[in-house]
Amino acid sequence: MTIKGEEIDLTGITRNDGTPTLTSITKAKREIGRQLQNKVYADPDSKEHGQSYLIYDDVEWLKKKAVTDVVKPPTNPGTYSGTSHNALEVHKAAVLAWKRYREAQSATKTMIMYAFKPHHFLELEDDNGDVIGFTAIELFNHLMDTYVQPEDVADQITALHKDLEQKYDPTEDPQVYYKAVQDAWPALISLNEIIDGETYRHS
């Protein structure tokens, strides 16, 4: 099973009306990753992470639980040119893998474009105003390259630590604090992955 357009649950993805930030980008990646994680992918290297490999670069991916190797996306097998039954079956499997990969990339792109406004991708549009030919990782990298500066990382980490360290107010609903931790902790983990992997290519 692979994720398709009709299977996308956009209600689980936050829409960002403002300028993309480090927080909103990492949050979108987490939310989209949850959907992709539940989709089966034939490659055993994906472990229990399903198709979420589509949104992570190699550095981020190799930090995932139980992951020991990168997942190599399938390529277009082209027209069948074999002469044996076995070669035909191999080609059919390759065609199916390619089809599933393209469906998953298309669905993931839909989720990214939902999370952020179309004008945030203007530089990637072709002459017809379409964003075509980019992988999910390339779209996320575009947002990082365009809207996030290295100094933003330190500021964001400081802000998230403040969220985690806020003092308890007995008049406040405890769920407020649970929500703050629930949001801040995964964001800090994501930021650490970005720092180790992609962000400092800007510096």
C-alpha atoms as a PDB file:
ATOM      1  CA  MET A   1       0.000   0.000   0.000  1.00  0.00           C
ATOM      2  CA  THR A   2       1.188   3.490  -0.775  1.00  0.00           C
ATOM      3  CA  ILE A   3      -0.201   6.887   0.089  1.00  0.00           C
ATOM      4  CA  LYS A   4      -2.291   8.450  -2.669  1.00  0.00           C
ATOM      5  CA  GLY A   5      -3.945  11.807  -3.088  1.00  0.00           C
ATOM      6  CA  GLU A   6      -7.346  10.547  -2.025  1.00  0.00           C
ATOM      7  CA  GLU A   7      -5.882   9.103   1.186  1.00  0.00           C
ATOM      8  CA  ILE A   8      -4.372  12.362   2.430  1.00  0.00           C
ATOM      9  CA  ASP A   9      -5.788  13.629   5.724  1.00  0.00           C
ATOM     10  CA  LEU A  10      -5.149  17.350   5.515  1.00  0.00           C
ATOM     11  CA  THR A  11      -6.944  17.923   8.827  1.00  0.00           C
ATOM     12  CA  GLY A  12      -3.787  16.670  10.537  1.00  0.00           C
ATOM     13  CA  ILE A  13      -1.598  19.281   8.858  1.00  0.00           C
ATOM     14  CA  THR A  14      -1.276  22.847  10.146  1.00  0.00           C
ATOM     15  CA  ARG A  15      -1.784  25.614   7.612  1.00  0.00           C
ATOM     16  CA  ASN A  16       0.791  28.379   7.901  1.00  0.00           C
ATOM     17  CA  ASP A  17      -0.540  31.720   6.767  1.00  0.00           C
ATOM     18  CA  GLY A  18       2.580  33.706   7.570  1.00  0.00           C
ATOM     19  CA  THR A  19       6.169  33.542   6.425  1.00  0.00           C
ATOM     20  CA  PRO A  20       7.681  30.068   6.911  1.00  0.00           C
ATOM     21  CA  THR A  21       9.816  29.788  10.035  1.00  0.00           C
ATOM     22  CA  LEU A  22      12.105  27.128  11.396  1.00  0.00           C
ATOM     23  CA  THR A  23       9.337  26.060  13.772  1.00  0.00           C
ATOM     24  CA  SER A  24       6.614  25.877  11.122  1.00  0.00           C
ATOM     25  CA  ILE A  25       8.858  23.978   8.697  1.00  0.00           C
ATOM     26  CA  THR A  26       9.925  21.383  11.275  1.00  0.00           C
ATOM     27  CA  LYS A  27       6.335  21.049  12.492  1.00  0.00           C
ATOM     28  CA  ALA A  28       5.084  20.463   8.945  1.00  0.00           C
ATOM     29  CA  LYS A  29       7.767  17.838   8.438  1.00  0.00           C
ATOM     30  CA  ARG A  30       6.671  16.026  11.612  1.00  0.00           C
ATOM     31  CA  GLU A  31       2.987  16.144  10.695  1.00  0.00           C
ATOM     32  CA  ILE A  32       3.580  14.935   7.147  1.00  0.00           C
ATOM     33  CA  GLY A  33       6.003  12.311   8.411  1.00  0.00           C
ATOM     34  CA  ARG A  34       3.273  10.847  10.642  1.00  0.00           C
ATOM     35  CA  GLN A  35       1.056  10.232   7.635  1.00  0.00           C
ATOM     36  CA  LEU A  36       3.853   8.744   5.574  1.00  0.00           C
ATOM     37  CA  GLN A  37       4.981   6.563   8.452  1.00  0.00           C
ATOM     38  CA  ASN A  38       1.750   4.598   8.346  1.00  0.00           C
ATOM     39  CA  LYS A  39       2.169   3.685   4.697  1.00  0.00           C
ATOM     40  CA  VAL A  40       3.823   0.429   3.770  1.00  0.00           C
ATOM     41  CA  TYR A  41       6.939   0.554   1.661  1.00  0.00           C
ATOM     42  CA  ALA A  42       8.485  -2.602   0.252  1.00  0.00           C
ATOM     43  CA  ASP A  43      12.091  -1.683   1.044  1.00  0.00           C
ATOM     44  CA  PRO A  44      13.092  -3.225   4.402  1.00  0.00           C
ATOM     45  CA  ASP A  45      15.485  -0.329   5.018  1.00  0.00           C
ATOM     46  CA  SER A  46      12.484   1.851   5.838  1.00  0.00           C
ATOM     47  CA  LYS A  47      11.764  -0.323   8.920  1.00  0.00           C
ATOM     48  CA  GLU A  48       8.574   0.850  10.668  1.00  0.00           C
ATOM     49  CA  HIS A  49       8.905   4.335   9.204  1.00  0.00           C
ATOM     50  CA  GLY A  50       6.984   3.554   6.032  1.00  0.00           C
ATOM     51  CA  GLN A  51       7.338   6.176   3.328  1.00  0.00           C
ATOM     52  CA  SER A  52       8.497   8.957   5.648  1.00  0.00           C
ATOM     53  CA  TYR A  53      11.944   8.526   4.109  1.00  0.00           C
ATOM     54  CA  LEU A  54      10.615  10.775   1.334  1.00  0.00           C
ATOM     55  CA  ILE A  55      10.987  13.905   3.482  1.00  0.00           C
ATOM     56  CA  TYR A  56      14.334  13.268   5.179  1.00  0.00           C
ATOM     57  CA  ASP A  57      17.841  13.676   3.873  1.00  0.00           C
ATOM     58  CA  ASP A  58      20.362  10.924   4.619  1.00  0.00           C
ATOM     59  CA  VAL A  59      21.639  12.538   7.831  1.00  0.00           C
ATOM     60  CA  GLU A  60      18.150  12.906   9.302  1.00  0.00           C
ATOM     61  CA  TRP A  61      17.017   9.491   8.086  1.00  0.00           C
ATOM     62  CA  LEU A  62      19.904   7.593   9.646  1.00  0.00           C
ATOM     63  CA  LYS A  63      18.941   9.020  13.050  1.00  0.00           C
ATOM     64  CA  LYS A  64      15.568   7.286  12.939  1.00  0.00           C
ATOM     65  CA  LYS A  65      14.952   4.392  15.297  1.00  0.00           C
ATOM     66  CA  ALA A  66      16.290   1.050  14.013  1.00  0.00           C
ATOM     67  CA  VAL A  67      17.344   2.582  10.681  1.00  0.00           C
ATOM     68  CA  THR A  68      20.763   1.378   9.564  1.00  0.00           C
ATOM     69  CA  ASP A  69      20.805   2.326   5.889  1.00  0.00           C
ATOM     70  CA  VAL A  70      19.333   4.872   3.514  1.00  0.00           C
ATOM     71  CA  VAL A  71      16.419   3.950   1.282  1.00  0.00           C
ATOM     72  CA  LYS A  72      17.243   4.196  -2.398  1.00  0.00           C
ATOM     73  CA  PRO A  73      14.151   5.416  -4.262  1.00  0.00           C
ATOM     74  CA  PRO A  74      13.111   3.336  -7.269  1.00  0.00           C
ATOM     75  CA  THR A  75      13.830   4.625 -10.741  1.00  0.00           C
ATOM     76  CA  ASN A  76      11.786   4.457 -13.909  1.00  0.00           C
ATOM     77  CA  PRO A  77      12.419   0.987 -15.397  1.00  0.00           C
ATOM     78  CA  GLY A  78      11.382   2.125 -18.869  1.00  0.00           C
ATOM     79  CA  THR A  79       9.960  -0.167 -21.524  1.00  0.00           C
ATOM     80  CA  TYR A  80      10.294  -3.907 -21.065  1.00  0.00           C
ATOM     81  CA  SER A  81      12.981  -5.342 -23.269  1.00  0.00           C
ATOM     82  CA  GLY A  82      13.610  -8.754 -21.720  1.00  0.00           C
ATOM     83  CA  THR A  83      12.970 -12.142 -23.237  1.00  0.00           C
ATOM     84  CA  SER A  84      12.220 -14.404 -20.280  1.00  0.00           C
ATOM     85  CA  HIS A  85       9.284 -14.871 -17.924  1.00  0.00           C
ATOM     86  CA  ASN A  86      11.513 -14.083 -14.945  1.00  0.00           C
ATOM     87  CA  ALA A  87      12.732 -10.853 -16.522  1.00  0.00           C
ATOM     88  CA  LEU A  88       9.112  -9.861 -17.200  1.00  0.00           C
ATOM     89  CA  GLU A  89       8.149 -10.399 -13.561  1.00  0.00           C
ATOM     90  CA  VAL A  90      11.128  -8.381 -12.391  1.00  0.00           C
ATOM     91  CA  HIS A  91      10.140  -5.588 -14.754  1.00  0.00           C
ATOM     92  CA  LYS A  92       6.531  -5.654 -13.535  1.00  0.00           C
ATOM     93  CA  ALA A  93       7.732  -5.319  -9.935  1.00  0.00           C
ATOM     94  CA  ALA A  94       9.974  -2.418 -10.894  1.00  0.00           C
ATOM     95  CA  VAL A  95       7.094  -0.672 -12.701  1.00  0.00           C
ATOM     96  CA  LEU A  96       4.862  -1.082  -9.633  1.00  0.00           C
ATOM     97  CA  ALA A  97       7.551   0.260  -7.292  1.00  0.00           C
ATOM     98  CA  TRP A  98       8.058   3.272  -9.577  1.00  0.00           C
ATOM     99  CA  LYS A  99       4.300   3.897  -9.727  1.00  0.00           C
ATOM    100  CA  ARG A 100       3.976   3.767  -5.920  1.00  0.00           C
ATOM    101  CA  TYR A 101       6.948   6.054  -5.483  1.00  0.00           C
ATOM    102  CA  ARG A 102       5.504   8.660  -7.843  1.00  0.00           C
ATOM    103  CA  GLU A 103       2.095   8.493  -6.119  1.00  0.00           C
ATOM    104  CA  ALA A 104       3.739   8.966  -2.737  1.00  0.00           C
ATOM    105  CA  GLN A 105       5.825  11.908  -3.952  1.00  0.00           C
ATOM    106  CA  SER A 106       2.721  13.528  -5.440  1.00  0.00           C
ATOM    107  CA  ALA A 107       0.729  13.079  -2.231  1.00  0.00           C
ATOM    108  CA  THR A 108       3.595  14.416  -0.124  1.00  0.00           C
ATOM    109  CA  LYS A 109       3.938  17.446  -2.378  1.00  0.00           C
ATOM    110  CA  THR A 110       0.198  18.096  -1.941  1.00  0.00           C
ATOM    111  CA  MET A 111       0.629  18.084   1.836  1.00  0.00           C
ATOM    112  CA  ILE A 112       3.613  20.470   1.700  1.00  0.00           C
ATOM    113  CA  MET A 113       1.801  22.851  -0.629  1.00  0.00           C
ATOM    114  CA  TYR A 114      -1.196  22.760   1.732  1.00  0.00           C
ATOM    115  CA  ALA A 115       0.956  23.567   4.763  1.00  0.00           C
ATOM    116  CA  PHE A 116       2.494  26.638   3.107  1.00  0.00           C
ATOM    117  CA  LYS A 117       1.162  29.304   0.782  1.00  0.00           C
ATOM    118  CA  PRO A 118       1.710  28.979  -3.007  1.00  0.00           C
ATOM    119  CA  HIS A 119       3.726  32.211  -3.160  1.00  0.00           C
ATOM    120  CA  HIS A 120       6.382  30.608  -0.971  1.00  0.00           C
ATOM    121  CA  PHE A 121       7.256  28.438  -3.967  1.00  0.00           C
ATOM    122  CA  LEU A 122       7.219  31.131  -6.672  1.00  0.00           C
ATOM    123  CA  GLU A 123      10.883  30.617  -7.514  1.00  0.00           C
ATOM    124  CA  LEU A 124      10.167  26.992  -8.388  1.00  0.00           C
ATOM    125  CA  GLU A 125       7.254  27.646 -10.750  1.00  0.00           C
ATOM    126  CA  ASP A 126       7.564  26.958 -14.457  1.00  0.00           C
ATOM    127  CA  ASP A 127       6.221  29.231 -17.188  1.00  0.00           C
ATOM    128  CA  ASN A 128       2.716  27.877 -16.579  1.00  0.00           C
ATOM    129  CA  GLY A 129       2.827  28.667 -12.869  1.00  0.00           C
ATOM    130  CA  ASP A 130       3.177  25.001 -11.844  1.00  0.00           C
ATOM    131  CA  VAL A 131       5.647  23.520  -9.369  1.00  0.00           C
ATOM    132  CA  ILE A 132       6.711  20.349 -11.177  1.00  0.00           C
ATOM    133  CA  GLY A 133       9.698  18.054 -11.017  1.00  0.00           C
ATOM    134  CA  PHE A 134      10.718  18.632  -7.402  1.00  0.00           C
ATOM    135  CA  THR A 135      10.899  15.968  -4.713  1.00  0.00           C
ATOM    136  CA  ALA A 136       9.519  16.496  -1.210  1.00  0.00           C
ATOM    137  CA  ILE A 137      13.035  16.917   0.171  1.00  0.00           C
ATOM    138  CA  GLU A 138      13.778  19.580  -2.448  1.00  0.00           C
ATOM    139  CA  LEU A 139      10.623  21.486  -1.480  1.00  0.00           C
ATOM    140  CA  PHE A 140      11.556  21.450   2.204  1.00  0.00           C
ATOM    141  CA  ASN A 141      15.133  22.458   1.364  1.00  0.00           C
ATOM    142  CA  HIS A 142      13.769  25.352  -0.677  1.00  0.00           C
ATOM    143  CA  LEU A 143      11.806  26.611   2.328  1.00  0.00           C
ATOM    144  CA  MET A 144      14.855  26.290   4.575  1.00  0.00           C
ATOM    145  CA  ASP A 145      17.184  27.979   2.086  1.00  0.00           C
ATOM    146  CA  THR A 146      14.767  30.826   1.372  1.00  0.00           C
ATOM    147  CA  TYR A 147      13.315  31.614   4.788  1.00  0.00           C
ATOM    148  CA  VAL A 148      15.651  30.322   7.513  1.00  0.00           C
ATOM    149  CA  GLN A 149      18.975  31.880   8.448  1.00  0.00           C
ATOM    150  CA  PRO A 150      21.591  30.156  10.645  1.00  0.00           C
ATOM    151  CA  GLU A 151      21.042  32.642  13.471  1.00  0.00           C
ATOM    152  CA  ASP A 152      17.362  31.688  13.534  1.00  0.00           C
ATOM    153  CA  VAL A 153      18.291  28.242  14.823  1.00  0.00           C
ATOM    154  CA  ALA A 154      19.786  29.512  18.081  1.00  0.00           C
ATOM    155  CA  ASP A 155      16.877  31.906  18.654  1.00  0.00           C
ATOM    156  CA  GLN A 156      14.351  29.152  18.058  1.00  0.00           C
ATOM    157  CA  ILE A 157      16.083  26.722  20.419  1.00  0.00           C
ATOM    158  CA  THR A 158      16.144  29.389  23.147  1.00  0.00           C
ATOM    159  CA  ALA A 159      12.428  30.047  22.678  1.00  0.00           C
ATOM    160  CA  LEU A 160      11.562  26.344  22.844  1.00  0.00           C
ATOM    161  CA  HIS A 161      13.617  25.871  26.015  1.00  0.00           C
ATOM    162  CA  LYS A 162      11.691  28.739  27.571  1.00  0.00           C
ATOM    163  CA  ASP A 163       8.453  26.947  26.697  1.00  0.00           C
ATOM    164  CA  LEU A 164       9.704  23.845  28.491  1.00  0.00           C
ATOM    165  CA  GLU A 165      10.924  25.766  31.524  1.00  0.00           C
ATOM    166  CA  GLN A 166       7.863  27.919  32.156  1.00  0.00           C
ATOM    167  CA  LYS A 167       6.725  28.023  35.787  1.00  0.00           C
ATOM    168  CA  TYR A 168       3.606  26.207  36.848  1.00  0.00           C
ATOM    169  CA  ASP A 169       0.547  28.375  37.366  1.00  0.00           C
ATOM    170  CA  PRO A 170      -2.013  26.570  39.589  1.00  0.00           C
ATOM    171  CA  THR A 171      -4.838  28.560  37.998  1.00  0.00           C
ATOM    172  CA  GLU A 172      -3.881  27.253  34.540  1.00  0.00           C
ATOM    173  CA  ASP A 173      -5.283  24.058  33.080  1.00  0.00           C
ATOM    174  CA  PRO A 174      -2.559  21.316  33.291  1.00  0.00           C
ATOM    175  CA  GLN A 175      -3.246  20.448  29.651  1.00  0.00           C
ATOM    176  CA  VAL A 176      -1.670  23.776  28.695  1.00  0.00           C
ATOM    177  CA  TYR A 177       1.672  22.557  30.028  1.00  0.00           C
ATOM    178  CA  TYR A 178       1.305  19.102  28.506  1.00  0.00           C
ATOM    179  CA  LYS A 179       0.653  20.725  25.133  1.00  0.00           C
ATOM    180  CA  ALA A 180       3.700  22.997  25.485  1.00  0.00           C
ATOM    181  CA  VAL A 181       5.936  20.012  26.192  1.00  0.00           C
ATOM    182  CA  GLN A 182       4.272  17.973  23.458  1.00  0.00           C
ATOM    183  CA  ASP A 183       5.037  20.703  20.912  1.00  0.00           C
ATOM    184  CA  ALA A 184       8.428  21.863  22.142  1.00  0.00           C
ATOM    185  CA  TRP A 185      10.184  18.556  22.734  1.00  0.00           C
ATOM    186  CA  PRO A 186       9.712  17.077  19.220  1.00  0.00           C
ATOM    187  CA  ALA A 187      10.616  20.463  17.755  1.00  0.00           C
ATOM    188  CA  LEU A 188      13.898  20.494  19.685  1.00  0.00           C
ATOM    189  CA  ILE A 189      14.673  17.005  18.429  1.00  0.00           C
ATOM    190  CA  SER A 190      13.931  18.092  14.863  1.00  0.00           C
ATOM    191  CA  LEU A 191      16.073  21.185  15.264  1.00  0.00           C
ATOM    192  CA  ASN A 192      18.956  19.085  16.464  1.00  0.00           C
ATOM    193  CA  GLU A 193      18.651  16.951  13.332  1.00  0.00           C
ATOM    194  CA  ILE A 194      18.641  20.068  11.172  1.00  0.00           C
ATOM    195  CA  ILE A 195      21.675  21.532  12.937  1.00  0.00           C
ATOM    196  CA  ASP A 196      23.648  18.315  12.456  1.00  0.00           C
ATOM    197  CA  GLY A 197      22.512  17.933   8.876  1.00  0.00           C
ATOM    198  CA  GLU A 198      21.297  20.788   6.757  1.00  0.00           C
ATOM    199  CA  THR A 199      21.094  24.186   8.418  1.00  0.00           C
ATOM    200  CA  TYR A 200      24.763  25.044   8.577  1.00  0.00           C
ATOM    201  CA  ARG A 201      25.228  24.637   4.866  1.00  0.00           C
ATOM    202  CA  HIS A 202      24.106  28.301   4.925  1.00  0.00           C
ATOM    203  CA  SER A 203      27.125  29.430   6.931  1.00  0.00           C
END
